[in-house]
Structure formats: structure tokens, C-alpha cells
């Protein structure tokens, strides 16, 4: 079984940053994994 999802992304050249969105969501928490990477979690603590 294959599940497909739309992925959208935005690149900010001034900040040299990319935002990748896998699905629409309201994130409950953001965790900074390192200086360059932040991960959003939902209320069940799942990566979104």
C-alpha cells in the first residue's frame, strides 16, 4: 500500500532557510535538533 501526500516548500534566500510542509497541521511544540534544524510535533508528540 502506498500513501501519498502533497509536500510544499518555501525557500527564503535572505535567511538561507527552507521550510518543508508535509501536511496541514497546527503544531503544538517545536524542538531545535541543532543550529540548522527545527522539528515540529503535534499534540501526540509525533513528527509533523
C-alpha atoms as a PDB file:
ATOM      1  CA  UNK A   1       0.000   0.000   0.000  1.00  0.00           C
ATOM      2  CA  UNK A   2       1.333   3.399  -0.956  1.00  0.00           C
ATOM      3  CA  UNK A   3       0.257   6.589   0.807  1.00  0.00           C
ATOM      4  CA  UNK A   4       0.946   9.856  -0.957  1.00  0.00           C
ATOM      5  CA  UNK A   5       0.897  13.339   0.492  1.00  0.00           C
ATOM      6  CA  UNK A   6       1.369  16.742  -1.025  1.00  0.00           C
ATOM      7  CA  UNK A   7       4.584  18.431   0.025  1.00  0.00           C
ATOM      8  CA  UNK A   8       5.087  22.166  -0.202  1.00  0.00           C
ATOM      9  CA  UNK A   9       8.245  24.106   0.442  1.00  0.00           C
ATOM     10  CA  UNK A  10       9.400  27.705   0.664  1.00  0.00           C
ATOM     11  CA  UNK A  11      12.956  28.955   0.392  1.00  0.00           C
ATOM     12  CA  UNK A  12      13.963  32.253   1.996  1.00  0.00           C
ATOM     13  CA  UNK A  13      17.167  33.360   0.264  1.00  0.00           C
ATOM     14  CA  UNK A  14      17.713  36.225   2.691  1.00  0.00           C
ATOM     15  CA  UNK A  15      17.715  33.861   5.684  1.00  0.00           C
ATOM     16  CA  UNK A  16      19.139  30.961   3.619  1.00  0.00           C
ATOM     17  CA  UNK A  17      16.415  28.739   5.075  1.00  0.00           C
ATOM     18  CA  UNK A  18      13.914  26.238   3.718  1.00  0.00           C
ATOM     19  CA  UNK A  19      10.542  25.324   5.195  1.00  0.00           C
ATOM     20  CA  UNK A  20       9.098  21.942   4.172  1.00  0.00           C
ATOM     21  CA  UNK A  21       5.434  21.245   4.920  1.00  0.00           C
ATOM     22  CA  UNK A  22       4.147  17.677   4.574  1.00  0.00           C
ATOM     23  CA  UNK A  23       0.558  18.315   5.622  1.00  0.00           C
ATOM     24  CA  UNK A  24      -1.644  20.997   7.109  1.00  0.00           C
ATOM     25  CA  UNK A  25      -1.416  20.950  10.863  1.00  0.00           C
ATOM     26  CA  UNK A  26      -1.300  23.031  13.962  1.00  0.00           C
ATOM     27  CA  UNK A  27       1.922  22.232  15.737  1.00  0.00           C
ATOM     28  CA  UNK A  28       1.971  22.040  19.486  1.00  0.00           C
ATOM     29  CA  UNK A  29       5.716  22.059  20.042  1.00  0.00           C
ATOM     30  CA  UNK A  30       8.936  22.790  18.166  1.00  0.00           C
ATOM     31  CA  UNK A  31      12.227  21.128  19.054  1.00  0.00           C
ATOM     32  CA  UNK A  32      15.558  22.524  17.867  1.00  0.00           C
ATOM     33  CA  UNK A  33      17.615  19.484  16.831  1.00  0.00           C
ATOM     34  CA  UNK A  34      20.739  21.506  16.030  1.00  0.00           C
ATOM     35  CA  UNK A  35      21.643  25.022  14.891  1.00  0.00           C
ATOM     36  CA  UNK A  36      20.154  24.364  11.451  1.00  0.00           C
ATOM     37  CA  UNK A  37      17.143  22.115  12.045  1.00  0.00           C
ATOM     38  CA  UNK A  38      13.854  22.534  13.914  1.00  0.00           C
ATOM     39  CA  UNK A  39      11.234  19.770  14.071  1.00  0.00           C
ATOM     40  CA  UNK A  40       7.525  20.357  14.773  1.00  0.00           C
ATOM     41  CA  UNK A  41       5.456  17.927  16.844  1.00  0.00           C
ATOM     42  CA  UNK A  42       1.698  17.513  17.182  1.00  0.00           C
ATOM     43  CA  UNK A  43      -0.097  17.061  20.498  1.00  0.00           C
ATOM     44  CA  UNK A  44       0.621  13.292  20.378  1.00  0.00           C
ATOM     45  CA  UNK A  45       4.363  14.142  20.121  1.00  0.00           C
ATOM     46  CA  UNK A  46       4.512  12.824  16.548  1.00  0.00           C
ATOM     47  CA  UNK A  47       6.716  14.448  13.915  1.00  0.00           C
ATOM     48  CA  UNK A  48       4.642  16.514  11.534  1.00  0.00           C
END
